[in-house]
Amino acid sequence: MNFSERTNWNLAENELTAAIRERRASGRELLDLTLSNPTHCGFEYDEAALLAPLHNPGALQYEPEPFGMITAREAVGRYYSDAGASIPLDHICLTTSTSEAYSFLFRILCNPGDEVLVASPSYPLFDFIARLDDVQLREYPLLYDPNADLASGHGWSIDFHALETAITAKTKAIILVHPNNPTGNFASQQERAELETLCAARGLALIVDEVFLDYAIAGPQPSFATGESRCLTFVLSGISKVCGLPQMKASWIVACGPFSLVDEAMQRIEIIADTFLSMNAPVQHALPNWLAARHALQQQIRERMRANLVLLDTHLEGTAVQRLALQAGWTAVLRVPRTLEGREFVAAALDRGILVQPGDFYGLGDARAVVSLLTPPEIWAAGLSLLPKQ
């Protein structure tokens, strides 16, 4: 059987995955400092309030709306209204995930072999989506200031010279994650202006992933859906992060920018959405309730993030491990020794029963490790006390 080349992935288990599996199989303790699924992190969910909207009798009626039900899109519109943006309903398309949203956009923007630029370091999910849609990813670097002030959180910036150099005749879009995962940096207003100017001048779309927008450490930052955009801009988000409900599968695309471009883009997206009609009725009926109730869980998550960050800094003080600056998001990046007693840092941590993610998973390099700020307090405290720091 000849399967497609686009799915010809290397499925072999890597050394770290094998070591983790073996440790768990042996029954030895493993303190996981990478836990990022909010439903597994000990947060309090209002079970009755979350499940009640799924019993809406209206879900028994089939209404094939390509962009999603009006009431559900109105709820998304109110979410952005709270952030100071006014979004027309016909500029909102519901999807089951941000992954699906990316795929929709790759299909309307790119021919096979065309290119999309994505920051490095960043989350590796883009590789799979792009490959499935026959799109090539090219990286542009984020630069870290080694003298960054941890108090301000600002340490990362876009290398615009490298970004412009990476643009070719096949480039169709630039992806910006705002705030980025795992570095936790927001794009500044100056960077936003430069990105929009560049995209408008080069005829590129700007795809802005804002799933972590609500999780700033110090204070809220503006969405790219606010204000006027000079270029065709797509803002993505969803309730996996906004409401801490990854199991409910509801996300969206918001289109902004010059009206003629937005209008044509939404016409093309509508055909794709109408072809798949992937959003189910119960979730769409429940979406207004879930978005309206998001603040309680978001507050729990922000309190956990801040408390874990304080404890992390306390444990790292005066050690060879340092935390990099961050402004938002659920992860922290650590600068770590490359090796400890002949073992790579992540492997040395695993020997002590501590699980952290290797930096090269995100393109950070082997002197970096990544931990999750959602980790339950008792696991966090115990894990940090055992984490190798010299």
Protein backbone atom coordinates (compact mmCIF):
# COMPACT_ATOMS: atom_id res chain seq x y z
CA MET A 1 0.00 0.00 0.00
CA ASN A 2 1.41 3.40 -0.98
CA PHE A 3 0.39 5.99 1.62
CA SER A 4 0.77 9.71 1.00
CA GLU A 5 4.13 11.35 1.63
CA ARG A 6 2.45 14.07 3.70
CA THR A 7 1.72 11.51 6.43
CA ASN A 8 5.09 9.77 6.26
CA TRP A 9 6.07 10.80 9.79
CA ASN A 10 8.79 9.25 11.88
CA LEU A 11 6.69 7.38 14.45
CA ALA A 12 9.60 5.88 16.37
CA GLU A 13 9.62 6.52 20.11
CA ASN A 14 12.37 8.94 21.16
CA GLU A 15 14.71 8.27 24.08
CA LEU A 16 12.97 10.65 26.48
CA THR A 17 9.51 9.23 25.79
CA ALA A 18 10.84 5.71 26.30
CA ALA A 19 12.53 6.70 29.57
CA ILE A 20 9.32 8.31 30.86
CA ARG A 21 7.26 5.27 29.89
CA GLU A 22 9.69 2.93 31.60
CA ARG A 23 9.78 4.98 34.79
CA ARG A 24 5.99 5.07 34.99
CA ALA A 25 5.77 1.34 34.28
CA SER A 26 8.21 0.66 37.13
CA GLY A 27 5.95 2.42 39.61
CA ARG A 28 8.64 4.91 40.65
CA GLU A 29 7.46 8.40 41.57
CA LEU A 30 7.34 10.94 38.76
CA LEU A 31 6.60 14.58 39.58
CA ASP A 32 5.28 16.06 36.34
CA LEU A 33 6.10 19.77 36.03
CA THR A 34 4.70 19.87 32.47
CA LEU A 35 1.00 19.45 33.31
CA SER A 36 -0.92 21.89 31.11
CA ASN A 37 -4.36 20.32 30.73
CA PRO A 38 -6.50 22.55 32.97
CA THR A 39 -9.05 19.77 33.55
CA HIS A 40 -6.28 17.70 35.21
CA CYS A 41 -4.74 20.49 37.31
CA GLY A 42 -7.12 20.66 40.26
CA PHE A 43 -9.13 23.74 39.31
CA GLU A 44 -12.71 24.06 40.51
CA TYR A 45 -15.25 23.76 37.71
CA ASP A 46 -18.95 24.52 38.25
CA GLU A 47 -20.12 21.17 36.95
CA ALA A 48 -23.85 21.95 36.97
CA ALA A 49 -23.44 25.33 35.27
CA LEU A 50 -21.13 23.95 32.58
CA LEU A 51 -23.20 20.89 31.70
CA ALA A 52 -26.68 22.43 31.91
CA PRO A 53 -26.44 24.35 28.57
CA LEU A 54 -25.75 21.07 26.75
CA HIS A 55 -29.35 20.05 27.45
CA ASN A 56 -30.79 22.85 25.30
CA PRO A 57 -33.69 21.34 23.28
CA GLY A 58 -32.67 23.51 20.34
CA ALA A 59 -29.75 21.14 19.79
CA LEU A 60 -32.23 18.61 18.42
CA GLN A 61 -32.77 20.84 15.38
CA TYR A 62 -30.23 20.81 12.56
CA GLU A 63 -29.37 24.27 11.28
CA PRO A 64 -26.43 24.02 8.81
CA GLU A 65 -24.85 27.46 9.31
CA PRO A 66 -21.38 27.49 7.68
CA PHE A 67 -19.98 30.16 10.02
CA GLY A 68 -21.83 28.79 13.03
CA MET A 69 -25.08 29.70 14.76
CA ILE A 70 -25.78 33.41 15.11
CA THR A 71 -26.20 33.15 18.88
CA ALA A 72 -22.80 31.46 19.20
CA ARG A 73 -21.10 34.05 17.01
CA GLU A 74 -22.80 36.83 18.97
CA ALA A 75 -21.20 35.38 22.10
CA VAL A 76 -17.78 35.54 20.43
CA GLY A 77 -18.58 39.11 19.40
CA ARG A 78 -19.33 40.00 23.03
CA TYR A 79 -16.01 38.47 24.09
CA TYR A 80 -14.21 40.90 21.78
CA SER A 81 -16.52 43.75 22.74
CA ASP A 82 -15.26 43.30 26.31
CA ALA A 83 -11.77 43.87 24.89
CA GLY A 84 -12.85 47.02 23.04
CA ALA A 85 -13.36 45.54 19.55
CA SER A 86 -16.51 45.65 17.44
CA ILE A 87 -16.61 42.62 15.12
CA PRO A 88 -19.36 42.13 12.50
CA LEU A 89 -20.96 38.69 12.79
CA ASP A 90 -20.15 37.84 9.18
CA HIS A 91 -16.45 38.29 10.03
CA ILE A 92 -16.58 35.46 12.58
CA CYS A 93 -16.32 31.77 11.68
CA LEU A 94 -16.58 29.04 14.32
CA THR A 95 -14.32 26.00 14.09
CA THR A 96 -13.82 22.97 16.31
CA SER A 97 -10.23 23.94 17.17
CA THR A 98 -7.55 26.47 16.37
CA SER A 99 -5.83 23.66 14.45
CA GLU A 100 -8.85 23.49 12.16
CA ALA A 101 -8.84 27.29 11.91
CA TYR A 102 -5.22 27.24 10.74
CA SER A 103 -6.08 24.60 8.17
CA PHE A 104 -8.96 26.70 6.82
CA LEU A 105 -6.63 29.68 6.46
CA PHE A 106 -3.80 27.72 4.86
CA ARG A 107 -6.29 26.45 2.28
CA ILE A 108 -7.59 29.88 1.29
CA LEU A 109 -4.16 31.53 1.28
CA CYS A 110 -1.77 28.91 -0.09
CA ASN A 111 -1.26 26.72 -3.10
CA PRO A 112 0.73 23.50 -2.62
CA GLY A 113 4.35 24.42 -1.91
CA ASP A 114 3.60 27.98 -0.80
CA GLU A 115 5.17 29.24 2.39
CA VAL A 116 4.03 30.60 5.74
CA LEU A 117 6.43 32.24 8.20
CA VAL A 118 6.32 31.23 11.86
CA ALA A 119 8.35 32.39 14.84
CA SER A 120 11.07 30.31 16.44
CA PRO A 121 10.94 29.33 19.24
CA SER A 122 7.28 28.33 19.16
CA TYR A 123 4.93 25.38 19.57
CA PRO A 124 5.67 22.55 17.07
CA LEU A 125 2.02 21.83 16.20
CA PHE A 126 2.26 24.07 13.13
CA ASP A 127 4.54 21.56 11.40
CA PHE A 128 1.84 18.90 11.28
CA ILE A 129 -0.95 21.21 10.13
CA ALA A 130 1.18 22.78 7.40
CA ARG A 131 2.35 19.42 6.10
CA LEU A 132 -1.21 18.10 5.92
CA ASP A 133 -2.15 21.13 3.80
CA ASP A 134 0.99 20.90 1.60
CA VAL A 135 2.31 24.20 2.98
CA GLN A 136 5.97 24.88 3.74
CA LEU A 137 6.91 26.58 7.01
CA ARG A 138 9.84 28.97 7.20
CA GLU A 139 11.05 30.32 10.51
CA TYR A 140 11.81 33.85 11.64
CA PRO A 141 13.63 34.28 14.96
CA LEU A 142 12.56 35.80 18.23
CA LEU A 143 15.51 37.41 20.00
CA TYR A 144 16.02 37.32 23.76
CA ASP A 145 17.71 40.15 25.65
CA PRO A 146 20.11 38.53 28.16
CA ASN A 147 19.76 41.66 30.31
CA ALA A 148 15.96 41.45 30.38
CA ASP A 149 14.23 42.65 33.54
CA LEU A 150 12.18 39.84 35.07
CA ALA A 151 9.96 42.35 36.84
CA SER A 152 8.75 43.92 33.59
CA GLY A 153 8.55 40.54 31.86
CA HIS A 154 9.67 42.02 28.54
CA GLY A 155 12.59 40.09 27.11
CA TRP A 156 11.70 38.80 23.65
CA SER A 157 11.38 40.69 20.39
CA ILE A 158 10.91 39.95 16.69
CA ASP A 159 14.01 40.02 14.50
CA PHE A 160 12.47 42.08 11.69
CA HIS A 161 15.59 42.00 9.53
CA ALA A 162 15.54 38.18 9.54
CA LEU A 163 11.76 38.20 9.04
CA GLU A 164 11.99 40.33 5.91
CA THR A 165 14.90 38.25 4.62
CA ALA A 166 12.79 35.08 5.00
CA ILE A 167 10.04 36.40 2.72
CA THR A 168 10.09 34.91 -0.78
CA ALA A 169 7.79 34.98 -3.79
CA LYS A 170 6.02 31.94 -2.29
CA THR A 171 5.34 33.53 1.10
CA LYS A 172 1.62 34.03 1.72
CA ALA A 173 1.27 34.73 5.44
CA ILE A 174 3.03 35.43 8.72
CA ILE A 175 1.94 33.66 11.91
CA LEU A 176 2.22 35.55 15.18
CA VAL A 177 1.32 33.93 18.49
CA HIS A 178 0.26 36.71 20.92
CA PRO A 179 1.42 35.92 23.57
CA ASN A 180 3.84 33.35 22.19
CA ASN A 181 4.06 29.80 23.51
CA PRO A 182 6.32 28.95 25.32
CA THR A 183 8.21 32.25 25.60
CA GLY A 184 5.20 34.18 26.94
CA ASN A 185 5.94 37.43 25.10
CA PHE A 186 3.36 39.81 23.66
CA ALA A 187 3.98 41.67 20.44
CA SER A 188 4.42 45.34 21.32
CA GLN A 189 2.34 48.05 19.67
CA GLN A 190 5.42 49.06 17.67
CA GLU A 191 5.91 45.47 16.51
CA ARG A 192 2.25 45.28 15.55
CA ALA A 193 2.58 48.43 13.44
CA GLU A 194 5.70 47.09 11.74
CA LEU A 195 4.06 43.72 11.03
CA GLU A 196 0.95 45.30 9.55
CA THR A 197 3.01 47.69 7.42
CA LEU A 198 5.19 44.83 6.17
CA CYS A 199 2.22 42.57 5.37
CA ALA A 200 0.32 45.36 3.61
CA ALA A 201 3.36 46.26 1.50
CA ARG A 202 4.15 42.65 0.55
CA GLY A 203 0.56 41.44 0.08
CA LEU A 204 0.73 38.99 2.99
CA ALA A 205 -1.91 37.91 5.47
CA LEU A 206 -1.24 38.15 9.20
CA ILE A 207 -2.49 35.21 11.30
CA VAL A 208 -2.57 36.05 15.01
CA ASP A 209 -3.07 33.25 17.52
CA GLU A 210 -4.40 34.74 20.77
CA VAL A 211 -5.41 31.65 22.73
CA PHE A 212 -3.38 32.79 25.78
CA LEU A 213 -4.37 36.47 25.54
CA ASP A 214 -6.35 36.45 28.81
CA TYR A 215 -3.44 35.12 30.86
CA ALA A 216 -1.14 38.10 31.33
CA ILE A 217 1.06 38.15 34.41
CA ALA A 218 0.96 41.91 35.08
CA GLY A 219 -2.05 43.26 33.18
CA PRO A 220 -4.15 42.85 30.03
CA GLN A 221 -2.77 43.48 26.57
CA PRO A 222 -4.81 44.55 23.52
CA SER A 223 -6.10 42.05 21.00
CA PHE A 224 -5.19 42.40 17.34
CA ALA A 225 -8.96 42.49 16.77
CA THR A 226 -9.02 46.02 18.22
CA GLY A 227 -8.28 49.06 16.12
CA GLU A 228 -7.82 49.29 12.37
CA SER A 229 -5.53 46.83 10.60
CA ARG A 230 -3.76 47.87 7.42
CA CYS A 231 -3.45 44.27 6.23
CA LEU A 232 -5.69 41.22 6.02
CA THR A 233 -5.60 39.88 9.58
CA PHE A 234 -7.06 36.73 11.07
CA VAL A 235 -7.33 36.48 14.86
CA LEU A 236 -7.71 32.97 16.27
CA SER A 237 -8.79 31.83 19.73
CA GLY A 238 -11.06 29.32 21.46
CA ILE A 239 -12.48 28.02 24.70
CA SER A 240 -9.71 25.45 25.22
CA LYS A 241 -7.72 28.28 26.85
CA VAL A 242 -10.27 31.11 27.19
CA CYS A 243 -12.62 28.97 29.31
CA GLY A 244 -10.25 26.16 30.28
CA LEU A 245 -12.45 23.70 28.38
CA PRO A 246 -10.25 21.83 25.86
CA GLN A 247 -12.71 18.93 25.75
CA MET A 248 -15.61 21.02 24.42
CA LYS A 249 -13.97 21.81 21.05
CA ALA A 250 -15.01 25.34 20.10
CA SER A 251 -12.74 27.92 18.49
CA TRP A 252 -13.07 30.74 15.99
CA ILE A 253 -11.56 32.88 13.28
CA VAL A 254 -12.10 36.66 13.35
CA ALA A 255 -11.21 38.53 10.16
CA CYS A 256 -10.07 42.17 10.21
CA GLY A 257 -8.49 44.61 7.80
CA PRO A 258 -9.42 46.23 4.47
CA PHE A 259 -13.05 45.42 3.75
CA SER A 260 -12.56 44.11 0.21
CA LEU A 261 -9.93 41.62 1.37
CA VAL A 262 -11.95 40.53 4.39
CA ASP A 263 -15.07 40.09 2.26
CA GLU A 264 -13.32 37.86 -0.28
CA ALA A 265 -11.56 35.88 2.44
CA MET A 266 -14.81 35.18 4.29
CA GLN A 267 -16.52 34.08 1.07
CA ARG A 268 -13.77 31.52 0.55
CA ILE A 269 -13.82 30.40 4.20
CA GLU A 270 -17.59 30.00 3.98
CA ILE A 271 -17.25 27.40 1.21
CA ILE A 272 -14.75 25.39 3.27
CA ALA A 273 -16.85 25.67 6.42
CA ASP A 274 -19.99 24.69 4.52
CA THR A 275 -18.19 21.67 3.09
CA PHE A 276 -17.25 20.29 6.52
CA LEU A 277 -19.93 21.75 8.86
CA SER A 278 -17.83 20.45 11.74
CA MET A 279 -19.35 22.43 14.64
CA ASN A 280 -21.93 20.45 16.60
CA ALA A 281 -25.18 22.01 17.80
CA PRO A 282 -24.97 21.30 21.59
CA VAL A 283 -21.62 23.08 21.91
CA GLN A 284 -22.83 26.04 19.86
CA HIS A 285 -25.90 26.39 22.06
CA ALA A 286 -23.74 26.22 25.17
CA LEU A 287 -21.04 28.63 23.97
CA PRO A 288 -22.75 31.85 25.15
CA ASN A 289 -23.06 30.47 28.70
CA TRP A 290 -19.49 29.20 28.79
CA LEU A 291 -17.98 32.45 27.51
CA ALA A 292 -20.08 34.51 29.93
CA ALA A 293 -18.82 32.38 32.85
CA ARG A 294 -15.14 32.38 31.83
CA HIS A 295 -13.90 34.86 34.43
CA ALA A 296 -14.11 32.58 37.48
CA LEU A 297 -11.84 29.89 36.05
CA GLN A 298 -9.52 32.43 34.43
CA GLN A 299 -9.01 34.01 37.85
CA GLN A 300 -8.11 30.63 39.34
CA ILE A 301 -5.60 30.02 36.56
CA ARG A 302 -3.98 33.45 36.86
CA GLU A 303 -3.66 33.05 40.63
CA ARG A 304 -2.02 29.64 40.13
CA MET A 305 0.36 31.06 37.50
CA ARG A 306 1.47 33.93 39.70
CA ALA A 307 1.87 31.83 42.84
CA ASN A 308 3.86 29.17 40.99
CA LEU A 309 6.03 31.84 39.42
CA VAL A 310 6.88 33.32 42.82
CA LEU A 311 7.79 29.89 44.20
CA LEU A 312 9.85 29.10 41.10
CA ASP A 313 11.89 32.29 41.48
CA THR A 314 12.41 31.57 45.16
CA HIS A 315 13.75 28.07 44.47
CA LEU A 316 16.04 29.26 41.66
CA GLU A 317 17.60 32.17 43.55
CA GLY A 318 21.36 31.78 43.73
CA THR A 319 21.42 28.61 41.59
CA ALA A 320 22.79 27.78 38.14
CA VAL A 321 19.24 27.61 36.74
CA GLN A 322 17.61 30.88 35.68
CA ARG A 323 14.10 31.76 34.54
CA LEU A 324 13.69 33.82 31.39
CA ALA A 325 11.38 36.82 31.33
CA LEU A 326 7.74 36.26 30.43
CA GLN A 327 4.64 38.41 30.18
CA ALA A 328 1.87 35.85 29.86
CA GLY A 329 0.91 32.24 29.17
CA TRP A 330 1.01 28.94 31.00
CA THR A 331 4.71 28.10 30.64
CA ALA A 332 8.07 29.29 31.92
CA VAL A 333 11.37 28.85 30.09
CA LEU A 334 14.45 28.00 32.15
CA ARG A 335 18.08 28.53 31.23
CA VAL A 336 19.74 25.34 32.50
CA PRO A 337 23.16 23.65 32.45
CA ARG A 338 23.60 21.58 29.30
CA THR A 339 24.77 18.58 31.29
CA LEU A 340 24.89 17.46 34.91
CA GLU A 341 27.36 14.71 35.81
CA GLY A 342 27.51 13.66 32.18
CA ARG A 343 23.73 13.60 31.71
CA GLU A 344 21.64 16.09 29.76
CA PHE A 345 19.65 18.31 32.11
CA VAL A 346 16.23 16.86 31.26
CA ALA A 347 17.56 13.31 31.68
CA ALA A 348 19.23 14.27 34.98
CA ALA A 349 15.92 15.70 36.20
CA LEU A 350 14.14 12.51 35.19
CA ASP A 351 16.68 10.49 37.20
CA ARG A 352 15.44 12.43 40.22
CA GLY A 353 11.81 11.75 39.32
CA ILE A 354 11.15 15.20 37.82
CA LEU A 355 9.61 15.66 34.38
CA VAL A 356 10.38 18.86 32.46
CA GLN A 357 10.18 19.48 28.72
CA PRO A 358 13.40 19.82 26.72
CA GLY A 359 13.88 23.22 25.11
CA ASP A 360 14.57 21.75 21.68
CA PHE A 361 10.94 20.56 21.61
CA TYR A 362 10.11 24.23 20.96
CA GLY A 363 13.28 25.16 19.07
CA LEU A 364 14.88 26.72 22.16
CA GLY A 365 18.04 24.62 22.21
CA ASP A 366 19.55 22.13 24.62
CA ALA A 367 20.40 24.68 27.34
CA ARG A 368 16.73 25.40 27.96
CA ALA A 369 13.90 23.56 29.67
CA VAL A 370 10.19 24.36 29.84
CA VAL A 371 7.80 23.91 32.77
CA SER A 372 4.06 24.50 33.15
CA LEU A 373 2.76 27.16 35.52
CA LEU A 374 -0.53 25.24 35.79
CA THR A 375 1.12 22.44 37.76
CA PRO A 376 -0.83 21.75 41.00
CA PRO A 377 0.86 23.46 43.98
CA GLU A 378 1.79 20.30 45.88
CA ILE A 379 3.47 18.74 42.81
CA TRP A 380 5.10 22.06 41.93
CA ALA A 381 6.63 22.54 45.37
CA ALA A 382 7.85 18.96 45.63
CA GLY A 383 9.24 18.95 42.10
CA LEU A 384 11.10 22.27 42.47
CA SER A 385 12.71 21.06 45.70
CA LEU A 386 14.22 18.09 43.82
CA LEU A 387 15.00 19.83 40.52
CA PRO A 388 18.75 19.81 39.82
CA LYS A 389 20.00 23.39 40.08
CA GLN A 390 23.80 23.20 40.25
